[in-house]
């Protein structure tokens, strides 16, 4: 969720995402479950729960179950959706290992602006519908790079240069 649009830090959003997943799976969430999932001490969870309750995302009282409010449910759904789109991209397109995809998605879901996330989601929908032509993109990319690097490239002065230098020159301003 974009920070400018709400009052939650990435850390509080992580707690909210954990609560959303727990509540979705079991109907309610205990603070001890949150501490275990977040791998933090119980007092850290208590402070976060107080803040989330004060801001209207959860209903919480000490020694009781934690439940999402309507506001918390909407924010949790939004975070879960962002995470799913990002993980799908990292797993399907970049073909990253599952743990890496999950970790990177968790980091990025908090900082990507809404308009960028919308385009990312649309891109993934497009990818899903055109998957056969993208399935072996990494192998084709490697083959193209190898083919390109095998070619001789001429500098304007007539000397030969490796491909990387030619590409770098394209990005250097002359003047």
N, C-alpha and C. Protein backbone atom coordinates (compact mmCIF):
# COMPACT_ATOMS: atom_id res chain seq x y z
N UNK A 1 0.84 -1.17 0.00
CA UNK A 1 0.00 0.00 0.00
C UNK A 1 0.88 1.23 0.00
N UNK A 2 0.58 2.18 -0.77
CA UNK A 2 1.39 3.39 -0.84
C UNK A 2 1.29 4.16 0.48
N UNK A 3 2.44 4.51 1.05
CA UNK A 3 2.48 5.16 2.36
C UNK A 3 1.70 6.47 2.38
N UNK A 4 1.76 7.23 1.31
CA UNK A 4 1.10 8.53 1.29
C UNK A 4 -0.42 8.40 1.39
N UNK A 5 -0.95 7.24 1.04
CA UNK A 5 -2.39 7.08 0.99
C UNK A 5 -2.98 6.61 2.32
N UNK A 6 -2.15 6.08 3.21
CA UNK A 6 -2.69 5.60 4.46
C UNK A 6 -1.77 5.96 5.61
N UNK A 7 -2.14 5.53 6.78
CA UNK A 7 -1.39 5.88 7.98
C UNK A 7 -0.60 4.70 8.53
N UNK A 8 -0.26 3.73 7.71
CA UNK A 8 0.46 2.55 8.17
C UNK A 8 1.87 2.48 7.61
N UNK A 9 2.80 2.16 8.47
CA UNK A 9 4.16 1.91 8.04
C UNK A 9 4.23 0.50 7.45
N UNK A 10 5.29 0.17 6.73
CA UNK A 10 5.44 -1.21 6.23
C UNK A 10 5.39 -2.25 7.36
N UNK A 11 5.95 -1.93 8.51
CA UNK A 11 5.91 -2.88 9.64
C UNK A 11 4.47 -3.13 10.10
N UNK A 12 3.69 -2.06 10.21
CA UNK A 12 2.28 -2.24 10.61
C UNK A 12 1.50 -2.96 9.52
N UNK A 13 1.82 -2.69 8.28
CA UNK A 13 1.16 -3.42 7.18
C UNK A 13 1.49 -4.91 7.25
N UNK A 14 2.73 -5.24 7.64
CA UNK A 14 3.08 -6.66 7.80
C UNK A 14 2.23 -7.31 8.86
N UNK A 15 2.05 -6.64 10.00
CA UNK A 15 1.18 -7.18 11.04
C UNK A 15 -0.24 -7.35 10.52
N UNK A 16 -0.72 -6.36 9.80
CA UNK A 16 -2.07 -6.42 9.25
C UNK A 16 -2.20 -7.60 8.27
N UNK A 17 -1.19 -7.81 7.45
CA UNK A 17 -1.22 -8.94 6.50
C UNK A 17 -1.25 -10.28 7.25
N UNK A 18 -0.49 -10.38 8.32
CA UNK A 18 -0.49 -11.61 9.12
C UNK A 18 -1.87 -11.84 9.72
N UNK A 19 -2.46 -10.79 10.27
CA UNK A 19 -3.80 -10.91 10.86
C UNK A 19 -4.80 -11.32 9.79
N UNK A 20 -4.71 -10.71 8.62
CA UNK A 20 -5.63 -11.04 7.53
C UNK A 20 -5.52 -12.52 7.17
N UNK A 21 -4.30 -13.01 7.00
CA UNK A 21 -4.11 -14.43 6.65
C UNK A 21 -4.63 -15.35 7.74
N UNK A 22 -4.33 -15.03 9.00
CA UNK A 22 -4.78 -15.86 10.12
C UNK A 22 -6.31 -15.86 10.22
N UNK A 23 -6.89 -14.69 10.12
CA UNK A 23 -8.34 -14.59 10.23
C UNK A 23 -9.02 -15.30 9.07
N UNK A 24 -8.44 -15.17 7.89
CA UNK A 24 -9.00 -15.86 6.71
C UNK A 24 -8.94 -17.37 6.90
N UNK A 25 -7.84 -17.86 7.46
CA UNK A 25 -7.65 -19.30 7.63
C UNK A 25 -8.45 -19.88 8.78
N UNK A 26 -8.56 -19.14 9.90
CA UNK A 26 -9.17 -19.73 11.10
C UNK A 26 -10.36 -18.96 11.65
N UNK A 27 -10.64 -17.79 11.13
CA UNK A 27 -11.77 -17.01 11.62
C UNK A 27 -11.41 -15.98 12.67
N UNK A 28 -10.26 -16.13 13.29
CA UNK A 28 -9.79 -15.15 14.29
C UNK A 28 -8.29 -15.35 14.44
N UNK A 29 -7.70 -14.44 15.20
CA UNK A 29 -6.25 -14.47 15.33
C UNK A 29 -5.86 -14.16 16.77
N UNK A 30 -4.90 -14.90 17.30
CA UNK A 30 -4.39 -14.63 18.64
C UNK A 30 -3.08 -13.86 18.54
N UNK A 31 -2.82 -12.97 19.47
CA UNK A 31 -1.55 -12.24 19.46
C UNK A 31 -0.32 -13.16 19.43
N UNK A 32 -0.40 -14.29 20.10
CA UNK A 32 0.74 -15.22 20.10
C UNK A 32 0.98 -15.79 18.69
N UNK A 33 -0.10 -15.99 17.92
CA UNK A 33 0.05 -16.46 16.53
C UNK A 33 0.76 -15.39 15.69
N UNK A 34 0.41 -14.14 15.95
CA UNK A 34 1.03 -13.03 15.20
C UNK A 34 2.51 -12.95 15.52
N UNK A 35 2.85 -13.05 16.82
CA UNK A 35 4.25 -13.00 17.24
C UNK A 35 5.06 -14.12 16.59
N UNK A 36 4.47 -15.30 16.55
CA UNK A 36 5.15 -16.44 15.94
C UNK A 36 5.34 -16.23 14.44
N UNK A 37 4.30 -15.78 13.76
CA UNK A 37 4.39 -15.57 12.31
C UNK A 37 5.36 -14.44 11.95
N UNK A 38 5.39 -13.40 12.78
CA UNK A 38 6.27 -12.26 12.51
C UNK A 38 7.68 -12.48 13.04
N UNK A 39 7.84 -13.53 13.83
CA UNK A 39 9.14 -13.84 14.45
C UNK A 39 9.63 -12.68 15.30
N UNK A 40 8.72 -12.18 16.14
CA UNK A 40 9.05 -11.08 17.04
C UNK A 40 8.53 -11.43 18.44
N UNK A 41 8.98 -10.65 19.43
CA UNK A 41 8.53 -10.85 20.80
C UNK A 41 7.09 -10.35 20.97
N UNK A 42 6.40 -10.94 21.89
CA UNK A 42 4.99 -10.61 22.15
C UNK A 42 4.77 -9.13 22.45
N UNK A 43 5.65 -8.45 23.23
CA UNK A 43 5.44 -7.02 23.48
C UNK A 43 5.43 -6.17 22.20
N UNK A 44 6.23 -6.56 21.21
CA UNK A 44 6.22 -5.84 19.93
C UNK A 44 4.86 -5.96 19.27
N UNK A 45 4.28 -7.14 19.34
CA UNK A 45 2.96 -7.38 18.76
C UNK A 45 1.91 -6.56 19.50
N UNK A 46 2.00 -6.54 20.81
CA UNK A 46 1.03 -5.78 21.61
C UNK A 46 1.04 -4.31 21.22
N UNK A 47 2.22 -3.73 21.07
CA UNK A 47 2.31 -2.32 20.65
C UNK A 47 1.70 -2.11 19.28
N UNK A 48 1.99 -3.01 18.35
CA UNK A 48 1.45 -2.89 17.00
C UNK A 48 -0.07 -3.03 17.01
N UNK A 49 -0.58 -3.97 17.81
CA UNK A 49 -2.03 -4.18 17.88
C UNK A 49 -2.73 -2.95 18.45
N UNK A 50 -2.14 -2.33 19.45
CA UNK A 50 -2.72 -1.10 20.01
C UNK A 50 -2.80 -0.02 18.94
N UNK A 51 -1.74 0.12 18.17
CA UNK A 51 -1.71 1.14 17.11
C UNK A 51 -2.75 0.83 16.04
N UNK A 52 -2.81 -0.42 15.60
CA UNK A 52 -3.79 -0.81 14.57
C UNK A 52 -5.22 -0.61 15.07
N UNK A 53 -5.47 -0.92 16.34
CA UNK A 53 -6.81 -0.73 16.91
C UNK A 53 -7.14 0.76 17.00
N UNK A 54 -6.18 1.55 17.44
CA UNK A 54 -6.39 3.00 17.56
C UNK A 54 -6.72 3.62 16.21
N UNK A 55 -6.13 3.08 15.14
CA UNK A 55 -6.35 3.62 13.79
C UNK A 55 -7.54 2.99 13.09
N UNK A 56 -8.22 2.07 13.76
CA UNK A 56 -9.47 1.53 13.23
C UNK A 56 -9.34 0.32 12.32
N UNK A 57 -8.19 -0.35 12.32
CA UNK A 57 -7.99 -1.51 11.44
C UNK A 57 -8.40 -2.83 12.08
N UNK A 58 -8.34 -2.89 13.41
CA UNK A 58 -8.68 -4.13 14.11
C UNK A 58 -9.49 -3.81 15.36
N UNK A 59 -10.16 -4.85 15.86
CA UNK A 59 -10.72 -4.76 17.20
C UNK A 59 -9.82 -5.63 18.08
N UNK A 60 -9.39 -5.04 19.19
CA UNK A 60 -8.42 -5.73 20.03
C UNK A 60 -8.56 -5.26 21.47
N UNK A 61 -8.50 -6.19 22.38
CA UNK A 61 -8.40 -5.92 23.81
C UNK A 61 -7.38 -6.91 24.35
N UNK A 62 -6.61 -6.52 25.36
CA UNK A 62 -5.61 -7.44 25.91
C UNK A 62 -6.22 -8.80 26.29
N UNK A 63 -5.48 -9.85 26.01
CA UNK A 63 -5.87 -11.24 26.31
C UNK A 63 -7.11 -11.70 25.56
N UNK A 64 -7.34 -11.09 24.40
CA UNK A 64 -8.49 -11.52 23.60
C UNK A 64 -8.04 -11.78 22.16
N UNK A 65 -8.96 -12.29 21.38
CA UNK A 65 -8.69 -12.52 19.96
C UNK A 65 -8.65 -11.19 19.22
N UNK A 66 -7.96 -11.20 18.11
CA UNK A 66 -7.85 -10.02 17.26
C UNK A 66 -8.74 -10.24 16.04
N UNK A 67 -9.55 -9.25 15.71
CA UNK A 67 -10.39 -9.34 14.51
C UNK A 67 -10.24 -8.07 13.69
N UNK A 68 -10.30 -8.23 12.39
CA UNK A 68 -10.23 -7.09 11.48
C UNK A 68 -11.55 -6.34 11.47
N UNK A 69 -11.47 -5.04 11.37
CA UNK A 69 -12.66 -4.22 11.13
C UNK A 69 -12.88 -4.20 9.62
N UNK A 70 -13.92 -3.53 9.18
CA UNK A 70 -14.13 -3.40 7.73
C UNK A 70 -12.94 -2.72 7.07
N UNK A 71 -12.46 -1.67 7.72
CA UNK A 71 -11.28 -0.95 7.21
C UNK A 71 -10.06 -1.88 7.15
N UNK A 72 -9.88 -2.68 8.18
CA UNK A 72 -8.75 -3.62 8.23
C UNK A 72 -8.89 -4.73 7.19
N UNK A 73 -10.12 -5.20 7.00
CA UNK A 73 -10.36 -6.23 6.00
C UNK A 73 -10.04 -5.72 4.61
N UNK A 74 -10.47 -4.50 4.30
CA UNK A 74 -10.19 -3.92 2.98
C UNK A 74 -8.68 -3.75 2.77
N UNK A 75 -8.00 -3.25 3.80
CA UNK A 75 -6.55 -3.06 3.69
C UNK A 75 -5.84 -4.41 3.57
N UNK A 76 -6.29 -5.39 4.33
CA UNK A 76 -5.70 -6.73 4.26
C UNK A 76 -5.89 -7.39 2.91
N UNK A 77 -7.08 -7.25 2.35
CA UNK A 77 -7.34 -7.79 1.01
C UNK A 77 -6.43 -7.13 -0.02
N UNK A 78 -6.28 -5.85 0.11
CA UNK A 78 -5.44 -5.10 -0.83
C UNK A 78 -3.98 -5.55 -0.74
N UNK A 79 -3.49 -5.70 0.47
CA UNK A 79 -2.12 -6.17 0.66
C UNK A 79 -1.94 -7.59 0.13
N UNK A 80 -2.91 -8.46 0.41
CA UNK A 80 -2.83 -9.84 -0.05
C UNK A 80 -2.83 -9.90 -1.58
N UNK A 81 -3.65 -9.06 -2.19
CA UNK A 81 -3.71 -9.03 -3.65
C UNK A 81 -2.38 -8.55 -4.24
N UNK A 82 -1.82 -7.49 -3.68
CA UNK A 82 -0.53 -6.98 -4.14
C UNK A 82 0.53 -8.07 -4.03
N UNK A 83 0.54 -8.76 -2.89
CA UNK A 83 1.52 -9.81 -2.67
C UNK A 83 1.36 -10.93 -3.68
N UNK A 84 0.13 -11.31 -3.97
CA UNK A 84 -0.11 -12.39 -4.95
C UNK A 84 0.37 -12.00 -6.35
N UNK A 85 0.09 -10.77 -6.77
CA UNK A 85 0.51 -10.31 -8.10
C UNK A 85 2.03 -10.31 -8.18
N UNK A 86 2.68 -9.77 -7.16
CA UNK A 86 4.14 -9.70 -7.17
C UNK A 86 4.77 -11.09 -7.14
N UNK A 87 4.26 -11.95 -6.26
CA UNK A 87 4.80 -13.31 -6.22
C UNK A 87 4.60 -14.03 -7.54
N UNK A 88 3.44 -13.85 -8.13
CA UNK A 88 3.17 -14.47 -9.43
C UNK A 88 4.19 -14.01 -10.47
N UNK A 89 4.48 -12.72 -10.48
CA UNK A 89 5.47 -12.18 -11.40
C UNK A 89 6.84 -12.80 -11.16
N UNK A 90 7.27 -12.82 -9.90
CA UNK A 90 8.60 -13.33 -9.60
C UNK A 90 8.73 -14.83 -9.85
N UNK A 91 7.65 -15.57 -9.62
CA UNK A 91 7.68 -17.02 -9.86
C UNK A 91 7.55 -17.37 -11.34
N UNK A 92 6.57 -16.75 -11.99
CA UNK A 92 6.23 -17.10 -13.36
C UNK A 92 7.14 -16.45 -14.39
N UNK A 93 7.33 -15.16 -14.27
CA UNK A 93 8.09 -14.43 -15.27
C UNK A 93 9.59 -14.53 -15.01
N UNK A 94 10.01 -14.12 -13.82
CA UNK A 94 11.44 -14.15 -13.52
C UNK A 94 11.93 -15.53 -13.10
N UNK A 95 11.01 -16.41 -12.78
CA UNK A 95 11.30 -17.80 -12.42
C UNK A 95 12.28 -17.87 -11.25
N UNK A 96 12.00 -17.06 -10.23
CA UNK A 96 12.80 -17.07 -9.01
C UNK A 96 12.37 -18.23 -8.12
N UNK A 97 13.24 -18.67 -7.24
CA UNK A 97 12.83 -19.69 -6.26
C UNK A 97 11.68 -19.16 -5.40
N UNK A 98 10.84 -20.07 -4.92
CA UNK A 98 9.63 -19.69 -4.20
C UNK A 98 9.92 -18.81 -2.97
N UNK A 99 10.92 -19.16 -2.20
CA UNK A 99 11.24 -18.38 -1.00
C UNK A 99 11.71 -16.97 -1.36
N UNK A 100 12.53 -16.86 -2.39
CA UNK A 100 13.00 -15.55 -2.84
C UNK A 100 11.83 -14.71 -3.34
N UNK A 101 10.96 -15.32 -4.13
CA UNK A 101 9.79 -14.61 -4.65
C UNK A 101 8.92 -14.09 -3.51
N UNK A 102 8.69 -14.92 -2.50
CA UNK A 102 7.86 -14.51 -1.37
C UNK A 102 8.50 -13.36 -0.60
N UNK A 103 9.81 -13.46 -0.35
CA UNK A 103 10.50 -12.42 0.41
C UNK A 103 10.52 -11.08 -0.34
N UNK A 104 10.81 -11.11 -1.62
CA UNK A 104 10.88 -9.88 -2.40
C UNK A 104 9.48 -9.26 -2.53
N UNK A 105 8.48 -10.09 -2.76
CA UNK A 105 7.10 -9.59 -2.86
C UNK A 105 6.69 -8.91 -1.56
N UNK A 106 7.06 -9.51 -0.43
CA UNK A 106 6.71 -8.94 0.87
C UNK A 106 7.37 -7.58 1.06
N UNK A 107 8.60 -7.43 0.59
CA UNK A 107 9.28 -6.14 0.72
C UNK A 107 8.65 -5.08 -0.18
N UNK A 108 8.33 -5.47 -1.41
CA UNK A 108 7.87 -4.49 -2.40
C UNK A 108 6.40 -4.11 -2.27
N UNK A 109 5.58 -4.98 -1.72
CA UNK A 109 4.14 -4.70 -1.66
C UNK A 109 3.82 -3.41 -0.92
N UNK A 110 4.73 -2.95 -0.08
CA UNK A 110 4.48 -1.76 0.73
C UNK A 110 4.91 -0.46 0.07
N UNK A 111 5.75 -0.54 -0.93
CA UNK A 111 6.36 0.69 -1.47
C UNK A 111 5.96 1.02 -2.90
N UNK A 112 5.33 0.12 -3.59
CA UNK A 112 4.96 0.37 -4.98
C UNK A 112 3.70 1.24 -5.04
N UNK A 113 3.77 2.36 -5.74
CA UNK A 113 2.58 3.23 -5.85
C UNK A 113 1.41 2.51 -6.53
N UNK A 114 0.22 2.93 -6.21
CA UNK A 114 -0.99 2.28 -6.73
C UNK A 114 -1.04 2.23 -8.25
N UNK A 115 -0.67 3.33 -8.92
CA UNK A 115 -0.74 3.34 -10.38
C UNK A 115 0.25 2.35 -10.99
N UNK A 116 1.40 2.20 -10.37
CA UNK A 116 2.39 1.22 -10.86
C UNK A 116 1.88 -0.19 -10.59
N UNK A 117 1.28 -0.40 -9.43
CA UNK A 117 0.75 -1.73 -9.09
C UNK A 117 -0.36 -2.12 -10.05
N UNK A 118 -1.19 -1.16 -10.44
CA UNK A 118 -2.25 -1.44 -11.41
C UNK A 118 -1.66 -1.92 -12.73
N UNK A 119 -0.64 -1.23 -13.20
CA UNK A 119 -0.01 -1.65 -14.47
C UNK A 119 0.67 -3.00 -14.33
N UNK A 120 1.25 -3.26 -13.17
CA UNK A 120 1.90 -4.55 -12.93
C UNK A 120 0.85 -5.65 -12.99
N UNK A 121 -0.30 -5.40 -12.38
CA UNK A 121 -1.38 -6.39 -12.41
C UNK A 121 -1.87 -6.62 -13.84
N UNK A 122 -2.02 -5.54 -14.60
CA UNK A 122 -2.46 -5.68 -15.99
C UNK A 122 -1.42 -6.44 -16.82
N UNK A 123 -0.16 -6.17 -16.55
CA UNK A 123 0.91 -6.90 -17.25
C UNK A 123 0.83 -8.39 -16.94
N UNK A 124 0.59 -8.74 -15.68
CA UNK A 124 0.49 -10.15 -15.32
C UNK A 124 -0.73 -10.81 -15.96
N UNK A 125 -1.83 -10.08 -16.07
CA UNK A 125 -3.00 -10.63 -16.77
C UNK A 125 -2.67 -10.88 -18.24
N UNK A 126 -1.97 -9.93 -18.85
CA UNK A 126 -1.53 -10.09 -20.23
C UNK A 126 -0.61 -11.31 -20.36
N UNK A 127 0.33 -11.42 -19.45
CA UNK A 127 1.27 -12.55 -19.48
C UNK A 127 0.53 -13.88 -19.37
N UNK A 128 -0.45 -13.93 -18.48
CA UNK A 128 -1.22 -15.17 -18.30
C UNK A 128 -1.93 -15.58 -19.60
N UNK A 129 -2.40 -14.60 -20.36
CA UNK A 129 -3.13 -14.90 -21.59
C UNK A 129 -2.20 -15.16 -22.77
N UNK A 130 -0.96 -14.79 -22.67
CA UNK A 130 -0.02 -14.99 -23.77
C UNK A 130 1.15 -15.87 -23.33
N UNK A 131 0.95 -16.66 -22.31
CA UNK A 131 2.03 -17.45 -21.70
C UNK A 131 2.81 -18.32 -22.69
N UNK A 132 2.19 -19.01 -23.63
CA UNK A 132 3.00 -19.88 -24.50
C UNK A 132 4.14 -19.15 -25.20
N UNK A 133 3.91 -17.93 -25.63
CA UNK A 133 4.98 -17.24 -26.34
C UNK A 133 6.06 -16.68 -25.41
N UNK A 134 5.79 -16.68 -24.10
CA UNK A 134 6.75 -16.16 -23.12
C UNK A 134 7.41 -17.27 -22.31
N UNK A 135 6.98 -18.50 -22.49
CA UNK A 135 7.41 -19.58 -21.62
C UNK A 135 8.93 -19.76 -21.56
N UNK A 136 9.60 -19.63 -22.68
CA UNK A 136 11.05 -19.87 -22.68
C UNK A 136 11.84 -18.58 -22.91
N UNK A 137 11.36 -17.48 -22.39
CA UNK A 137 11.99 -16.18 -22.65
C UNK A 137 13.43 -16.14 -22.14
N UNK A 138 13.72 -16.80 -21.03
CA UNK A 138 15.08 -16.74 -20.50
C UNK A 138 16.06 -17.43 -21.44
N UNK A 139 15.69 -18.59 -21.94
CA UNK A 139 16.57 -19.31 -22.86
C UNK A 139 16.78 -18.52 -24.15
N UNK A 140 15.70 -17.93 -24.65
CA UNK A 140 15.83 -17.12 -25.87
C UNK A 140 16.67 -15.88 -25.62
N UNK A 141 16.55 -15.29 -24.46
CA UNK A 141 17.34 -14.12 -24.12
C UNK A 141 18.83 -14.47 -24.06
N UNK A 142 19.15 -15.57 -23.46
CA UNK A 142 20.55 -16.02 -23.38
C UNK A 142 21.09 -16.28 -24.78
N UNK A 143 20.29 -16.94 -25.61
CA UNK A 143 20.74 -17.22 -26.99
C UNK A 143 20.98 -15.92 -27.76
N UNK A 144 20.09 -14.95 -27.61
CA UNK A 144 20.27 -13.66 -28.29
C UNK A 144 21.54 -12.95 -27.80
N UNK A 145 21.78 -12.98 -26.50
CA UNK A 145 22.99 -12.36 -25.96
C UNK A 145 24.25 -13.03 -26.50
N UNK A 146 24.22 -14.36 -26.54
CA UNK A 146 25.39 -15.09 -27.06
C UNK A 146 25.61 -14.80 -28.53
N UNK A 147 24.53 -14.75 -29.28
CA UNK A 147 24.63 -14.42 -30.70
C UNK A 147 25.19 -13.00 -30.89
N UNK A 148 24.69 -12.09 -30.10
CA UNK A 148 25.12 -10.70 -30.20
C UNK A 148 26.59 -10.55 -29.79
N UNK A 149 26.99 -11.22 -28.74
CA UNK A 149 28.37 -11.07 -28.26
C UNK A 149 29.36 -11.72 -29.22
N UNK A 150 28.91 -12.65 -30.04
CA UNK A 150 29.80 -13.30 -31.00
C UNK A 150 30.07 -12.39 -32.20
N UNK A 151 29.24 -11.40 -32.41
CA UNK A 151 29.42 -10.49 -33.54
C UNK A 151 30.51 -9.47 -33.22
N UNK A 152 31.21 -9.04 -34.26
CA UNK A 152 32.20 -7.97 -34.11
C UNK A 152 31.49 -6.64 -34.25
N UNK A 153 31.82 -5.72 -33.42
CA UNK A 153 31.21 -4.39 -33.45
C UNK A 153 32.29 -3.37 -33.76
N UNK A 154 31.99 -2.45 -34.62
CA UNK A 154 32.96 -1.43 -35.02
C UNK A 154 32.63 -0.11 -34.34
N UNK A 155 33.66 0.52 -33.84
CA UNK A 155 33.52 1.87 -33.31
C UNK A 155 33.58 2.84 -34.48
N UNK A 156 33.07 4.05 -34.32
CA UNK A 156 33.10 5.02 -35.43
C UNK A 156 34.51 5.25 -35.98
N UNK A 157 35.55 5.15 -35.16
CA UNK A 157 36.91 5.37 -35.62
C UNK A 157 37.45 4.18 -36.41
N UNK A 158 36.70 3.09 -36.46
CA UNK A 158 37.12 1.92 -37.21
C UNK A 158 37.69 0.81 -36.36
N UNK A 159 37.89 1.05 -35.06
CA UNK A 159 38.40 0.00 -34.19
C UNK A 159 37.29 -0.93 -33.74
N UNK A 160 37.67 -2.13 -33.34
CA UNK A 160 36.67 -3.08 -32.86
C UNK A 160 36.49 -2.92 -31.35
N UNK A 161 35.30 -3.17 -30.89
CA UNK A 161 35.02 -3.07 -29.46
C UNK A 161 34.09 -4.20 -29.06
N UNK A 162 34.22 -4.67 -27.83
CA UNK A 162 33.26 -5.69 -27.37
C UNK A 162 31.86 -5.09 -27.27
N UNK A 163 30.82 -5.90 -27.37
CA UNK A 163 29.45 -5.40 -27.36
C UNK A 163 29.11 -4.54 -26.15
N UNK A 164 29.62 -4.88 -24.98
CA UNK A 164 29.27 -4.13 -23.78
C UNK A 164 29.70 -2.67 -23.90
N UNK A 165 30.85 -2.43 -24.51
CA UNK A 165 31.31 -1.05 -24.65
C UNK A 165 30.42 -0.30 -25.63
N UNK A 166 30.03 -0.95 -26.69
CA UNK A 166 29.14 -0.30 -27.65
C UNK A 166 27.84 0.09 -26.96
N UNK A 167 27.27 -0.80 -26.14
CA UNK A 167 26.02 -0.49 -25.46
C UNK A 167 26.21 0.62 -24.44
N UNK A 168 27.30 0.62 -23.73
CA UNK A 168 27.53 1.67 -22.75
C UNK A 168 27.64 3.03 -23.43
N UNK A 169 28.25 3.06 -24.60
CA UNK A 169 28.41 4.32 -25.31
C UNK A 169 27.05 4.91 -25.66
N UNK A 170 26.06 4.05 -25.89
CA UNK A 170 24.72 4.55 -26.20
C UNK A 170 24.12 5.36 -25.05
N UNK A 171 24.59 5.11 -23.83
CA UNK A 171 24.03 5.77 -22.65
C UNK A 171 24.88 6.92 -22.14
N UNK A 172 26.03 7.12 -22.74
CA UNK A 172 26.92 8.20 -22.31
C UNK A 172 26.66 9.42 -23.17
N UNK A 173 26.42 10.53 -22.53
CA UNK A 173 26.21 11.76 -23.28
C UNK A 173 27.54 12.26 -23.82
N UNK A 174 27.54 12.62 -25.07
CA UNK A 174 28.75 13.17 -25.64
C UNK A 174 28.69 14.68 -25.51
N UNK A 175 29.80 15.28 -25.25
CA UNK A 175 29.73 16.72 -25.15
C UNK A 175 30.89 17.24 -24.51
